[in-house]
Amino acid sequence: MKRSDFEKLWFTGNVRIHVDDMRAWKAVWQGRAGQAHKRTQIFWSVVCFTGIAIGGVIIGKLEFALSPTEIGFSWWGVALCLLFGGIPFLMRGKAAQAVKNRIIREPGFYAEAAERELFTLEEY
């Protein structure tokens, strides 16, 4: 679909943009969605790996209590690993939204994203 057709459908509200999360994430890592988004992804990746490492240290160094009545300090390590393990899923969603916003706002990026098959359009 040409950009002019997309703009007509977008402004009338008759099109949906479906962005592939993983391809969008790769595009953000390559800096194609802007350097600010790339820096944000790098920051949250460092936070994620640090949190999982701290959780692993807490689990490994302390005695692990499996009893649900005795919640040991090491359960904080499990909680940290689960919490910080969810960050990559949030980053993929944020990357997809960044790509979607850039598709809408920048005509040049629309052509590049269509070439890389980052999105599909659904008319309704």
PDB file of N, CA and C in Angstrom:
ATOM      1  N   MET A   1       0.841  -1.167   0.000  1.00  0.00           N
ATOM      2  CA  MET A   1       0.000   0.000   0.000  1.00  0.00           C
ATOM      3  C   MET A   1       0.895   1.241   0.000  1.00  0.00           C
ATOM      4  N   LYS A   2       0.536   2.194  -0.801  1.00  0.00           N
ATOM      5  CA  LYS A   2       1.299   3.431  -0.880  1.00  0.00           C
ATOM      6  C   LYS A   2       1.046   4.282   0.359  1.00  0.00           C
ATOM      7  N   ARG A   3       1.978   5.170   0.623  1.00  0.00           N
ATOM      8  CA  ARG A   3       1.870   6.045   1.796  1.00  0.00           C
ATOM      9  C   ARG A   3       0.635   6.942   1.715  1.00  0.00           C
ATOM     10  N   SER A   4       0.304   7.432   0.548  1.00  0.00           N
ATOM     11  CA  SER A   4      -0.862   8.315   0.410  1.00  0.00           C
ATOM     12  C   SER A   4      -2.157   7.556   0.731  1.00  0.00           C
ATOM     13  N   ASP A   5      -2.248   6.309   0.283  1.00  0.00           N
ATOM     14  CA  ASP A   5      -3.427   5.489   0.605  1.00  0.00           C
ATOM     15  C   ASP A   5      -3.491   5.201   2.105  1.00  0.00           C
ATOM     16  N   PHE A   6      -2.337   4.941   2.678  1.00  0.00           N
ATOM     17  CA  PHE A   6      -2.283   4.692   4.121  1.00  0.00           C
ATOM     18  C   PHE A   6      -2.744   5.920   4.904  1.00  0.00           C
ATOM     19  N   GLU A   7      -2.272   7.106   4.505  1.00  0.00           N
ATOM     20  CA  GLU A   7      -2.653   8.329   5.218  1.00  0.00           C
ATOM     21  C   GLU A   7      -4.153   8.575   5.149  1.00  0.00           C
ATOM     22  N   LYS A   8      -4.743   8.332   3.984  1.00  0.00           N
ATOM     23  CA  LYS A   8      -6.198   8.515   3.854  1.00  0.00           C
ATOM     24  C   LYS A   8      -6.940   7.569   4.795  1.00  0.00           C
ATOM     25  N   LEU A   9      -6.536   6.306   4.794  1.00  0.00           N
ATOM     26  CA  LEU A   9      -7.198   5.328   5.661  1.00  0.00           C
ATOM     27  C   LEU A   9      -6.921   5.608   7.133  1.00  0.00           C
ATOM     28  N   TRP A  10      -5.713   6.051   7.455  1.00  0.00           N
ATOM     29  CA  TRP A  10      -5.362   6.316   8.852  1.00  0.00           C
ATOM     30  C   TRP A  10      -6.178   7.478   9.420  1.00  0.00           C
ATOM     31  N   PHE A  11      -6.301   8.547   8.650  1.00  0.00           N
ATOM     32  CA  PHE A  11      -7.014   9.717   9.155  1.00  0.00           C
ATOM     33  C   PHE A  11      -8.524   9.513   9.195  1.00  0.00           C
ATOM     34  N   THR A  12      -9.032   8.582   8.425  1.00  0.00           N
ATOM     35  CA  THR A  12     -10.453   8.248   8.543  1.00  0.00           C
ATOM     36  C   THR A  12     -10.681   7.167   9.591  1.00  0.00           C
ATOM     37  N   GLY A  13      -9.607   6.539  10.056  1.00  0.00           N
ATOM     38  CA  GLY A  13      -9.716   5.525  11.100  1.00  0.00           C
ATOM     39  C   GLY A  13     -10.112   4.157  10.584  1.00  0.00           C
ATOM     40  N   ASN A  14      -9.770   3.860   9.338  1.00  0.00           N
ATOM     41  CA  ASN A  14     -10.171   2.594   8.735  1.00  0.00           C
ATOM     42  C   ASN A  14      -9.024   1.613   8.535  1.00  0.00           C
ATOM     43  N   VAL A  15      -7.961   1.763   9.274  1.00  0.00           N
ATOM     44  CA  VAL A  15      -6.829   0.854   9.132  1.00  0.00           C
ATOM     45  C   VAL A  15      -6.208   0.605  10.507  1.00  0.00           C
ATOM     46  N   ARG A  16      -5.758  -0.605  10.688  1.00  0.00           N
ATOM     47  CA  ARG A  16      -5.007  -0.972  11.896  1.00  0.00           C
ATOM     48  C   ARG A  16      -3.601  -1.373  11.468  1.00  0.00           C
ATOM     49  N   ILE A  17      -2.645  -1.033  12.319  1.00  0.00           N
ATOM     50  CA  ILE A  17      -1.256  -1.386  12.069  1.00  0.00           C
ATOM     51  C   ILE A  17      -0.874  -2.486  13.042  1.00  0.00           C
ATOM     52  N   HIS A  18      -0.424  -3.608  12.507  1.00  0.00           N
ATOM     53  CA  HIS A  18       0.059  -4.718  13.333  1.00  0.00           C
ATOM     54  C   HIS A  18       1.565  -4.803  13.148  1.00  0.00           C
ATOM     55  N   VAL A  19       2.299  -4.568  14.235  1.00  0.00           N
ATOM     56  CA  VAL A  19       3.757  -4.556  14.180  1.00  0.00           C
ATOM     57  C   VAL A  19       4.285  -5.852  14.783  1.00  0.00           C
ATOM     58  N   ASP A  20       5.222  -6.482  14.100  1.00  0.00           N
ATOM     59  CA  ASP A  20       5.872  -7.686  14.602  1.00  0.00           C
ATOM     60  C   ASP A  20       6.833  -7.280  15.715  1.00  0.00           C
ATOM     61  N   ASP A  21       6.609  -7.793  16.923  1.00  0.00           N
ATOM     62  CA  ASP A  21       7.385  -7.381  18.094  1.00  0.00           C
ATOM     63  C   ASP A  21       8.877  -7.657  17.941  1.00  0.00           C
ATOM     64  N   MET A  22       9.223  -8.848  17.519  1.00  0.00           N
ATOM     65  CA  MET A  22      10.644  -9.208  17.446  1.00  0.00           C
ATOM     66  C   MET A  22      11.373  -8.415  16.366  1.00  0.00           C
ATOM     67  N   ARG A  23      10.738  -8.232  15.229  1.00  0.00           N
ATOM     68  CA  ARG A  23      11.378  -7.429  14.177  1.00  0.00           C
ATOM     69  C   ARG A  23      11.506  -5.976  14.608  1.00  0.00           C
ATOM     70  N   ALA A  24      10.503  -5.482  15.325  1.00  0.00           N
ATOM     71  CA  ALA A  24      10.575  -4.109  15.832  1.00  0.00           C
ATOM     72  C   ALA A  24      11.695  -3.983  16.848  1.00  0.00           C
ATOM     73  N   TRP A  25      11.842  -4.997  17.702  1.00  0.00           N
ATOM     74  CA  TRP A  25      12.904  -4.974  18.705  1.00  0.00           C
ATOM     75  C   TRP A  25      14.273  -4.934  18.027  1.00  0.00           C
ATOM     76  N   LYS A  26      14.437  -5.723  16.980  1.00  0.00           N
ATOM     77  CA  LYS A  26      15.701  -5.724  16.243  1.00  0.00           C
ATOM     78  C   LYS A  26      15.940  -4.380  15.555  1.00  0.00           C
ATOM     79  N   ALA A  27      14.872  -3.778  15.031  1.00  0.00           N
ATOM     80  CA  ALA A  27      15.010  -2.471  14.385  1.00  0.00           C
ATOM     81  C   ALA A  27      15.424  -1.407  15.398  1.00  0.00           C
ATOM     82  N   VAL A  28      14.890  -1.484  16.607  1.00  0.00           N
ATOM     83  CA  VAL A  28      15.281  -0.520  17.639  1.00  0.00           C
ATOM     84  C   VAL A  28      16.727  -0.748  18.042  1.00  0.00           C
ATOM     85  N   TRP A  29      17.143  -2.010  18.178  1.00  0.00           N
ATOM     86  CA  TRP A  29      18.539  -2.302  18.529  1.00  0.00           C
ATOM     87  C   TRP A  29      19.497  -1.810  17.460  1.00  0.00           C
ATOM     88  N   GLN A  30      19.054  -1.808  16.206  1.00  0.00           N
ATOM     89  CA  GLN A  30      19.900  -1.317  15.121  1.00  0.00           C
ATOM     90  C   GLN A  30      19.875   0.204  15.017  1.00  0.00           C
ATOM     91  N   GLY A  31      19.031   0.855  15.817  1.00  0.00           N
ATOM     92  CA  GLY A  31      18.960   2.305  15.822  1.00  0.00           C
ATOM     93  C   GLY A  31      18.065   2.885  14.753  1.00  0.00           C
ATOM     94  N   ARG A  32      17.236   2.084  14.123  1.00  0.00           N
ATOM     95  CA  ARG A  32      16.386   2.560  13.038  1.00  0.00           C
ATOM     96  C   ARG A  32      15.164   3.328  13.533  1.00  0.00           C
ATOM     97  N   ALA A  33      14.804   3.149  14.786  1.00  0.00           N
ATOM     98  CA  ALA A  33      13.639   3.852  15.341  1.00  0.00           C
ATOM     99  C   ALA A  33      14.063   5.066  16.162  1.00  0.00           C
ATOM    100  N   GLY A  34      15.295   5.455  16.063  1.00  0.00           N
ATOM    101  CA  GLY A  34      15.789   6.614  16.798  1.00  0.00           C
ATOM    102  C   GLY A  34      16.762   6.207  17.893  1.00  0.00           C
ATOM    103  N   GLN A  35      17.728   7.054  18.135  1.00  0.00           N
ATOM    104  CA  GLN A  35      18.761   6.749  19.124  1.00  0.00           C
ATOM    105  C   GLN A  35      18.232   6.777  20.550  1.00  0.00           C
ATOM    106  N   ALA A  36      17.203   7.589  20.807  1.00  0.00           N
ATOM    107  CA  ALA A  36      16.645   7.637  22.163  1.00  0.00           C
ATOM    108  C   ALA A  36      16.034   6.290  22.545  1.00  0.00           C
ATOM    109  N   HIS A  37      15.354   5.670  21.615  1.00  0.00           N
ATOM    110  CA  HIS A  37      14.757   4.358  21.892  1.00  0.00           C
ATOM    111  C   HIS A  37      15.841   3.296  22.067  1.00  0.00           C
ATOM    112  N   LYS A  38      16.903   3.409  21.298  1.00  0.00           N
ATOM    113  CA  LYS A  38      18.011   2.462  21.432  1.00  0.00           C
ATOM    114  C   LYS A  38      18.669   2.589  22.807  1.00  0.00           C
ATOM    115  N   ARG A  39      18.902   3.814  23.256  1.00  0.00           N
ATOM    116  CA  ARG A  39      19.490   4.021  24.583  1.00  0.00           C
ATOM    117  C   ARG A  39      18.571   3.500  25.685  1.00  0.00           C
ATOM    118  N   THR A  40      17.277   3.678  25.523  1.00  0.00           N
ATOM    119  CA  THR A  40      16.325   3.166  26.500  1.00  0.00           C
ATOM    120  C   THR A  40      16.383   1.645  26.554  1.00  0.00           C
ATOM    121  N   GLN A  41      16.467   1.003  25.401  1.00  0.00           N
ATOM    122  CA  GLN A  41      16.559  -0.457  25.361  1.00  0.00           C
ATOM    123  C   GLN A  41      17.837  -0.936  26.045  1.00  0.00           C
ATOM    124  N   ILE A  42      18.948  -0.244  25.799  1.00  0.00           N
ATOM    125  CA  ILE A  42      20.212  -0.627  26.428  1.00  0.00           C
ATOM    126  C   ILE A  42      20.120  -0.458  27.943  1.00  0.00           C
ATOM    127  N   PHE A  43      19.559   0.652  28.405  1.00  0.00           N
ATOM    128  CA  PHE A  43      19.417   0.879  29.836  1.00  0.00           C
ATOM    129  C   PHE A  43      18.595  -0.225  30.500  1.00  0.00           C
ATOM    130  N   TRP A  44      17.435  -0.545  29.945  1.00  0.00           N
ATOM    131  CA  TRP A  44      16.585  -1.558  30.565  1.00  0.00           C
ATOM    132  C   TRP A  44      17.180  -2.956  30.448  1.00  0.00           C
ATOM    133  N   SER A  45      17.989  -3.208  29.435  1.00  0.00           N
ATOM    134  CA  SER A  45      18.683  -4.500  29.341  1.00  0.00           C
ATOM    135  C   SER A  45      19.701  -4.641  30.465  1.00  0.00           C
ATOM    136  N   VAL A  46      20.426  -3.569  30.746  1.00  0.00           N
ATOM    137  CA  VAL A  46      21.392  -3.590  31.847  1.00  0.00           C
ATOM    138  C   VAL A  46      20.676  -3.784  33.177  1.00  0.00           C
ATOM    139  N   VAL A  47      19.555  -3.089  33.371  1.00  0.00           N
ATOM    140  CA  VAL A  47      18.768  -3.246  34.595  1.00  0.00           C
ATOM    141  C   VAL A  47      18.264  -4.685  34.723  1.00  0.00           C
ATOM    142  N   CYS A  48      17.798  -5.254  33.627  1.00  0.00           N
ATOM    143  CA  CYS A  48      17.282  -6.624  33.630  1.00  0.00           C
ATOM    144  C   CYS A  48      18.368  -7.626  34.012  1.00  0.00           C
ATOM    145  N   PHE A  49      19.503  -7.553  33.355  1.00  0.00           N
ATOM    146  CA  PHE A  49      20.577  -8.502  33.646  1.00  0.00           C
ATOM    147  C   PHE A  49      21.121  -8.327  35.058  1.00  0.00           C
ATOM    148  N   THR A  50      21.198  -7.098  35.518  1.00  0.00           N
ATOM    149  CA  THR A  50      21.662  -6.847  36.884  1.00  0.00           C
ATOM    150  C   THR A  50      20.694  -7.421  37.903  1.00  0.00           C
ATOM    151  N   GLY A  51      19.403  -7.207  37.696  1.00  0.00           N
ATOM    152  CA  GLY A  51      18.396  -7.741  38.615  1.00  0.00           C
ATOM    153  C   GLY A  51      18.378  -9.252  38.658  1.00  0.00           C
ATOM    154  N   ILE A  52      18.507  -9.892  37.506  1.00  0.00           N
ATOM    155  CA  ILE A  52      18.546 -11.354  37.474  1.00  0.00           C
ATOM    156  C   ILE A  52      19.814 -11.868  38.146  1.00  0.00           C
ATOM    157  N   ALA A  53      20.930 -11.183  37.945  1.00  0.00           N
ATOM    158  CA  ALA A  53      22.181 -11.596  38.597  1.00  0.00           C
ATOM    159  C   ALA A  53      22.071 -11.463  40.112  1.00  0.00           C
ATOM    160  N   ILE A  54      21.492 -10.369  40.587  1.00  0.00           N
ATOM    161  CA  ILE A  54      21.314 -10.198  42.035  1.00  0.00           C
ATOM    162  C   ILE A  54      20.386 -11.273  42.582  1.00  0.00           C
ATOM    163  N   GLY A  55      19.306 -11.564  41.861  1.00  0.00           N
ATOM    164  CA  GLY A  55      18.402 -12.636  42.274  1.00  0.00           C
ATOM    165  C   GLY A  55      19.101 -13.978  42.321  1.00  0.00           C
ATOM    166  N   GLY A  56      19.955 -14.244  41.342  1.00  0.00           N
ATOM    167  CA  GLY A  56      20.712 -15.502  41.334  1.00  0.00           C
ATOM    168  C   GLY A  56      21.679 -15.602  42.492  1.00  0.00           C
ATOM    169  N   VAL A  57      22.306 -14.503  42.836  1.00  0.00           N
ATOM    170  CA  VAL A  57      23.224 -14.494  43.986  1.00  0.00           C
ATOM    171  C   VAL A  57      22.452 -14.751  45.271  1.00  0.00           C
ATOM    172  N   ILE A  58      21.292 -14.121  45.408  1.00  0.00           N
ATOM    173  CA  ILE A  58      20.482 -14.326  46.609  1.00  0.00           C
ATOM    174  C   ILE A  58      20.039 -15.781  46.718  1.00  0.00           C
ATOM    175  N   ILE A  59      19.642 -16.377  45.608  1.00  0.00           N
ATOM    176  CA  ILE A  59      19.214 -17.781  45.626  1.00  0.00           C
ATOM    177  C   ILE A  59      20.387 -18.698  45.939  1.00  0.00           C
ATOM    178  N   GLY A  60      21.525 -18.441  45.321  1.00  0.00           N
ATOM    179  CA  GLY A  60      22.671 -19.336  45.454  1.00  0.00           C
ATOM    180  C   GLY A  60      23.382 -19.260  46.789  1.00  0.00           C
ATOM    181  N   LYS A  61      23.490 -18.083  47.353  1.00  0.00           N
ATOM    182  CA  LYS A  61      24.275 -17.912  48.578  1.00  0.00           C
ATOM    183  C   LYS A  61      23.490 -18.262  49.844  1.00  0.00           C
ATOM    184  N   LEU A  62      22.190 -18.161  49.795  1.00  0.00           N
ATOM    185  CA  LEU A  62      21.396 -18.386  50.993  1.00  0.00           C
ATOM    186  C   LEU A  62      20.675 -19.727  50.911  1.00  0.00           C
ATOM    187  N   GLU A  63      20.278 -20.239  52.052  1.00  0.00           N
ATOM    188  CA  GLU A  63      19.578 -21.522  52.090  1.00  0.00           C
ATOM    189  C   GLU A  63      18.180 -21.344  51.524  1.00  0.00           C
ATOM    190  N   PHE A  64      17.803 -22.210  50.612  1.00  0.00           N
ATOM    191  CA  PHE A  64      16.523 -22.101  49.927  1.00  0.00           C
ATOM    192  C   PHE A  64      15.470 -22.869  50.708  1.00  0.00           C
ATOM    193  N   ALA A  65      14.480 -22.176  51.226  1.00  0.00           N
ATOM    194  CA  ALA A  65      13.410 -22.813  52.001  1.00  0.00           C
ATOM    195  C   ALA A  65      12.227 -23.076  51.079  1.00  0.00           C
ATOM    196  N   LEU A  66      11.885 -24.363  50.884  1.00  0.00           N
ATOM    197  CA  LEU A  66      10.784 -24.716  49.996  1.00  0.00           C
ATOM    198  C   LEU A  66       9.430 -24.705  50.699  1.00  0.00           C
ATOM    199  N   SER A  67       9.417 -24.689  51.989  1.00  0.00           N
ATOM    200  CA  SER A  67       8.169 -24.732  52.736  1.00  0.00           C
ATOM    201  C   SER A  67       7.398 -23.424  52.546  1.00  0.00           C
ATOM    202  N   PRO A  68       6.097 -23.520  52.218  1.00  0.00           N
ATOM    203  CA  PRO A  68       5.323 -22.286  52.061  1.00  0.00           C
ATOM    204  C   PRO A  68       5.076 -21.564  53.381  1.00  0.00           C
ATOM    205  N   THR A  69       5.227 -22.268  54.502  1.00  0.00           N
ATOM    206  CA  THR A  69       5.038 -21.602  55.792  1.00  0.00           C
ATOM    207  C   THR A  69       6.287 -20.856  56.218  1.00  0.00           C
ATOM    208  N   GLU A  70       7.443 -21.305  55.774  1.00  0.00           N
ATOM    209  CA  GLU A  70       8.695 -20.620  56.085  1.00  0.00           C
ATOM    210  C   GLU A  70       9.235 -19.992  54.804  1.00  0.00           C
ATOM    211  N   ILE A  71       8.924 -18.757  54.617  1.00  0.00           N
ATOM    212  CA  ILE A  71       9.427 -18.064  53.430  1.00  0.00           C
ATOM    213  C   ILE A  71      10.771 -17.468  53.794  1.00  0.00           C
ATOM    214  N   GLY A  72      11.803 -18.098  53.302  1.00  0.00           N
ATOM    215  CA  GLY A  72      13.155 -17.647  53.604  1.00  0.00           C
ATOM    216  C   GLY A  72      13.527 -16.419  52.797  1.00  0.00           C
ATOM    217  N   PHE A  73      14.640 -15.843  53.111  1.00  0.00           N
ATOM    218  CA  PHE A  73      15.135 -14.660  52.416  1.00  0.00           C
ATOM    219  C   PHE A  73      15.440 -14.962  50.956  1.00  0.00           C
ATOM    220  N   SER A  74      15.730 -16.231  50.651  1.00  0.00           N
ATOM    221  CA  SER A  74      16.076 -16.595  49.292  1.00  0.00           C
ATOM    222  C   SER A  74      14.882 -16.505  48.339  1.00  0.00           C
ATOM    223  N   TRP A  75      13.664 -16.480  48.880  1.00  0.00           N
ATOM    224  CA  TRP A  75      12.502 -16.295  48.011  1.00  0.00           C
ATOM    225  C   TRP A  75      12.524 -14.921  47.357  1.00  0.00           C
ATOM    226  N   TRP A  76      13.200 -13.976  47.990  1.00  0.00           N
ATOM    227  CA  TRP A  76      13.358 -12.667  47.362  1.00  0.00           C
ATOM    228  C   TRP A  76      14.159 -12.800  46.068  1.00  0.00           C
ATOM    229  N   GLY A  77      15.088 -13.738  46.036  1.00  0.00           N
ATOM    230  CA  GLY A  77      15.853 -13.968  44.815  1.00  0.00           C
ATOM    231  C   GLY A  77      14.976 -14.485  43.689  1.00  0.00           C
ATOM    232  N   VAL A  78      14.062 -15.411  44.025  1.00  0.00           N
ATOM    233  CA  VAL A  78      13.124 -15.926  43.020  1.00  0.00           C
ATOM    234  C   VAL A  78      12.225 -14.801  42.523  1.00  0.00           C
ATOM    235  N   ALA A  79      11.745 -13.988  43.453  1.00  0.00           N
ATOM    236  CA  ALA A  79      10.879 -12.873  43.073  1.00  0.00           C
ATOM    237  C   ALA A  79      11.616 -11.888  42.173  1.00  0.00           C
ATOM    238  N   LEU A  80      12.877 -11.602  42.486  1.00  0.00           N
ATOM    239  CA  LEU A  80      13.658 -10.691  41.652  1.00  0.00           C
ATOM    240  C   LEU A  80      13.872 -11.261  40.251  1.00  0.00           C
ATOM    241  N   CYS A  81      14.187 -12.555  40.181  1.00  0.00           N
ATOM    242  CA  CYS A  81      14.398 -13.176  38.868  1.00  0.00           C
ATOM    243  C   CYS A  81      13.125 -13.124  38.026  1.00  0.00           C
ATOM    244  N   LEU A  82      11.987 -13.400  38.640  1.00  0.00           N
ATOM    245  CA  LEU A  82      10.725 -13.357  37.899  1.00  0.00           C
ATOM    246  C   LEU A  82      10.373 -11.931  37.478  1.00  0.00           C
ATOM    247  N   LEU A  83      10.571 -11.001  38.387  1.00  0.00           N
ATOM    248  CA  LEU A  83      10.255  -9.612  38.090  1.00  0.00           C
ATOM    249  C   LEU A  83      11.124  -9.067  36.961  1.00  0.00           C
ATOM    250  N   PHE A  84      12.422  -9.246  37.085  1.00  0.00           N
ATOM    251  CA  PHE A  84      13.325  -8.719  36.070  1.00  0.00           C
ATOM    252  C   PHE A  84      13.313  -9.560  34.797  1.00  0.00           C
ATOM    253  N   GLY A  85      12.867 -10.805  34.895  1.00  0.00           N
ATOM    254  CA  GLY A  85      12.729 -11.630  33.692  1.00  0.00           C
ATOM    255  C   GLY A  85      11.587 -11.177  32.797  1.00  0.00           C
ATOM    256  N   GLY A  86      10.655 -10.418  33.334  1.00  0.00           N
ATOM    257  CA  GLY A  86       9.547  -9.899  32.540  1.00  0.00           C
ATOM    258  C   GLY A  86       9.870  -8.634  31.772  1.00  0.00           C
ATOM    259  N   ILE A  87      10.976  -8.010  32.092  1.00  0.00           N
ATOM    260  CA  ILE A  87      11.343  -6.749  31.431  1.00  0.00           C
ATOM    261  C   ILE A  87      11.529  -6.906  29.917  1.00  0.00           C
ATOM    262  N   PRO A  88      12.153  -7.973  29.410  1.00  0.00           N
ATOM    263  CA  PRO A  88      12.286  -8.076  27.949  1.00  0.00           C
ATOM    264  C   PRO A  88      10.958  -8.098  27.205  1.00  0.00           C
ATOM    265  N   PHE A  89       9.926  -8.666  27.811  1.00  0.00           N
ATOM    266  CA  PHE A  89       8.615  -8.665  27.161  1.00  0.00           C
ATOM    267  C   PHE A  89       8.050  -7.249  27.092  1.00  0.00           C
ATOM    268  N   LEU A  90       8.279  -6.470  28.135  1.00  0.00           N
ATOM    269  CA  LEU A  90       7.847  -5.077  28.118  1.00  0.00           C
ATOM    270  C   LEU A  90       8.650  -4.273  27.100  1.00  0.00           C
ATOM    271  N   MET A  91       9.937  -4.585  26.971  1.00  0.00           N
ATOM    272  CA  MET A  91      10.781  -3.871  26.012  1.00  0.00           C
ATOM    273  C   MET A  91      10.332  -4.144  24.576  1.00  0.00           C
ATOM    274  N   ARG A  92       9.912  -5.370  24.302  1.00  0.00           N
ATOM    275  CA  ARG A  92       9.434  -5.682  22.950  1.00  0.00           C
ATOM    276  C   ARG A  92       8.164  -4.907  22.627  1.00  0.00           C
ATOM    277  N   GLY A  93       7.276  -4.803  23.603  1.00  0.00           N
ATOM    278  CA  GLY A  93       6.054  -4.037  23.391  1.00  0.00           C
ATOM    279  C   GLY A  93       6.336  -2.556  23.174  1.00  0.00           C
ATOM    280  N   LYS A  94       7.278  -2.030  23.937  1.00  0.00           N
ATOM    281  CA  LYS A  94       7.649  -0.617  23.784  1.00  0.00           C
ATOM    282  C   LYS A  94       8.330  -0.385  22.438  1.00  0.00           C
ATOM    283  N   ALA A  95       9.143  -1.319  21.996  1.00  0.00           N
ATOM    284  CA  ALA A  95       9.793  -1.199  20.689  1.00  0.00           C
ATOM    285  C   ALA A  95       8.754  -1.231  19.572  1.00  0.00           C
ATOM    286  N   ALA A  96       7.769  -2.103  19.696  1.00  0.00           N
ATOM    287  CA  ALA A  96       6.713  -2.173  18.681  1.00  0.00           C
ATOM    288  C   ALA A  96       5.933  -0.868  18.628  1.00  0.00           C
ATOM    289  N   GLN A  97       5.665  -0.276  19.792  1.00  0.00           N
ATOM    290  CA  GLN A  97       4.950   0.998  19.816  1.00  0.00           C
ATOM    291  C   GLN A  97       5.797   2.119  19.217  1.00  0.00           C
ATOM    292  N   ALA A  98       7.095   2.101  19.474  1.00  0.00           N
ATOM    293  CA  ALA A  98       7.979   3.119  18.899  1.00  0.00           C
ATOM    294  C   ALA A  98       8.005   3.016  17.379  1.00  0.00           C
ATOM    295  N   VAL A  99       8.063   1.801  16.860  1.00  0.00           N
ATOM    296  CA  VAL A  99       8.058   1.604  15.408  1.00  0.00           C
ATOM    297  C   VAL A  99       6.715   2.044  14.826  1.00  0.00           C
ATOM    298  N   LYS A 100       5.641   1.704  15.505  1.00  0.00           N
ATOM    299  CA  LYS A 100       4.307   2.085  15.025  1.00  0.00           C
ATOM    300  C   LYS A 100       4.175   3.607  14.967  1.00  0.00           C
ATOM    301  N   ASN A 101       4.624   4.288  16.011  1.00  0.00           N
ATOM    302  CA  ASN A 101       4.564   5.752  16.022  1.00  0.00           C
ATOM    303  C   ASN A 101       5.388   6.356  14.895  1.00  0.00           C
ATOM    304  N   ARG A 102       6.539   5.772  14.654  1.00  0.00           N
ATOM    305  CA  ARG A 102       7.405   6.305  13.602  1.00  0.00           C
ATOM    306  C   ARG A 102       6.826   6.034  12.214  1.00  0.00           C
ATOM    307  N   ILE A 103       6.142   4.896  12.050  1.00  0.00           N
ATOM    308  CA  ILE A 103       5.471   4.598  10.773  1.00  0.00           C
ATOM    309  C   ILE A 103       4.405   5.649  10.493  1.00  0.00           C
ATOM    310  N   ILE A 104       3.662   6.020  11.519  1.00  0.00           N
ATOM    311  CA  ILE A 104       2.580   6.984  11.351  1.00  0.00           C
ATOM    312  C   ILE A 104       3.123   8.373  11.052  1.00  0.00           C
ATOM    313  N   ARG A 105       4.178   8.763  11.728  1.00  0.00           N
ATOM    314  CA  ARG A 105       4.655  10.148  11.654  1.00  0.00           C
ATOM    315  C   ARG A 105       5.633  10.437  10.531  1.00  0.00           C
ATOM    316  N   GLU A 106       6.418   9.448  10.104  1.00  0.00           N
ATOM    317  CA  GLU A 106       7.493   9.715   9.144  1.00  0.00           C
ATOM    318  C   GLU A 106       7.290   8.930   7.847  1.00  0.00           C
ATOM    319  N   PRO A 107       7.041   9.638   6.751  1.00  0.00           N
ATOM    320  CA  PRO A 107       6.831   8.950   5.470  1.00  0.00           C
ATOM    321  C   PRO A 107       8.041   8.141   5.012  1.00  0.00           C
ATOM    322  N   GLY A 108       9.246   8.619   5.267  1.00  0.00           N
ATOM    323  CA  GLY A 108      10.446   7.883   4.847  1.00  0.00           C
ATOM    324  C   GLY A 108      10.601   6.565   5.585  1.00  0.00           C
ATOM    325  N   PHE A 109      10.258   6.570   6.860  1.00  0.00           N
ATOM    326  CA  PHE A 109      10.360   5.338   7.639  1.00  0.00           C
ATOM    327  C   PHE A 109       9.284   4.343   7.238  1.00  0.00           C
ATOM    328  N   TYR A 110       8.141   4.830   6.766  1.00  0.00           N
ATOM    329  CA  TYR A 110       7.068   3.947   6.305  1.00  0.00           C
ATOM    330  C   TYR A 110       7.580   3.034   5.194  1.00  0.00           C
ATOM    331  N   ALA A 111       8.292   3.603   4.227  1.00  0.00           N
ATOM    332  CA  ALA A 111       8.817   2.817   3.109  1.00  0.00           C
ATOM    333  C   ALA A 111       9.870   1.817   3.591  1.00  0.00           C
ATOM    334  N   GLU A 112      10.734   2.257   4.492  1.00  0.00           N
ATOM    335  CA  GLU A 112      11.763   1.358   5.028  1.00  0.00           C
ATOM    336  C   GLU A 112      11.146   0.214   5.826  1.00  0.00           C
ATOM    337  N   ALA A 113      10.141   0.520   6.646  1.00  0.00           N
ATOM    338  CA  ALA A 113       9.485  -0.508   7.451  1.00  0.00           C
ATOM    339  C   ALA A 113       8.709  -1.489   6.578  1.00  0.00           C
ATOM    340  N   ALA A 114       8.111  -0.986   5.503  1.00  0.00           N
ATOM    341  CA  ALA A 114       7.406  -1.873   4.584  1.00  0.00           C
ATOM    342  C   ALA A 114       8.386  -2.803   3.871  1.00  0.00           C
ATOM    343  N   GLU A 115       9.553  -2.272   3.524  1.00  0.00           N
ATOM    344  CA  GLU A 115      10.577  -3.088   2.872  1.00  0.00           C
ATOM    345  C   GLU A 115      11.086  -4.191   3.802  1.00  0.00           C
ATOM    346  N   ARG A 116      11.236  -3.871   5.081  1.00  0.00           N
ATOM    347  CA  ARG A 116      11.729  -4.834   6.065  1.00  0.00           C
ATOM    348  C   ARG A 116      10.617  -5.720   6.636  1.00  0.00           C
ATOM    349  N   GLU A 117       9.391  -5.481   6.203  1.00  0.00           N
ATOM    350  CA  GLU A 117       8.213  -6.239   6.656  1.00  0.00           C
ATOM    351  C   GLU A 117       8.049  -6.175   8.175  1.00  0.00           C
ATOM    352  N   LEU A 118       8.175  -4.959   8.721  1.00  0.00           N
ATOM    353  CA  LEU A 118       8.015  -4.773  10.155  1.00  0.00           C
ATOM    354  C   LEU A 118       6.540  -4.736  10.562  1.00  0.00           C
ATOM    355  N   PHE A 119       5.662  -4.488   9.622  1.00  0.00           N
ATOM    356  CA  PHE A 119       4.260  -4.324   9.966  1.00  0.00           C
ATOM    357  C   PHE A 119       3.354  -4.856   8.864  1.00  0.00           C
ATOM    358  N   THR A 120       2.100  -5.071   9.222  1.00  0.00           N
ATOM    359  CA  THR A 120       1.047  -5.375   8.256  1.00  0.00           C
ATOM    360  C   THR A 120      -0.109  -4.434   8.526  1.00  0.00           C
ATOM    361  N   LEU A 121      -0.865  -4.158   7.502  1.00  0.00           N
ATOM    362  CA  LEU A 121      -2.011  -3.268   7.616  1.00  0.00           C
ATOM    363  C   LEU A 121      -3.297  -4.068   7.458  1.00  0.00           C
ATOM    364  N   GLU A 122      -4.275  -3.716   8.251  1.00  0.00           N
ATOM    365  CA  GLU A 122      -5.581  -4.368   8.176  1.00  0.00           C
ATOM    366  C   GLU A 122      -6.635  -3.290   7.978  1.00  0.00           C
ATOM    367  N   GLU A 123      -7.289  -3.335   6.832  1.00  0.00           N
ATOM    368  CA  GLU A 123      -8.371  -2.381   6.567  1.00  0.00           C
ATOM    369  C   GLU A 123      -9.665  -2.938   7.131  1.00  0.00           C
ATOM    370  N   TYR A 124     -10.484  -2.037   7.641  1.00  0.00           N
ATOM    371  CA  TYR A 124     -11.810  -2.472   8.131  1.00  0.00           C
ATOM    372  C   TYR A 124     -12.834  -1.407   7.870  1.00  0.00           C
TER     373      TYR A 124
END
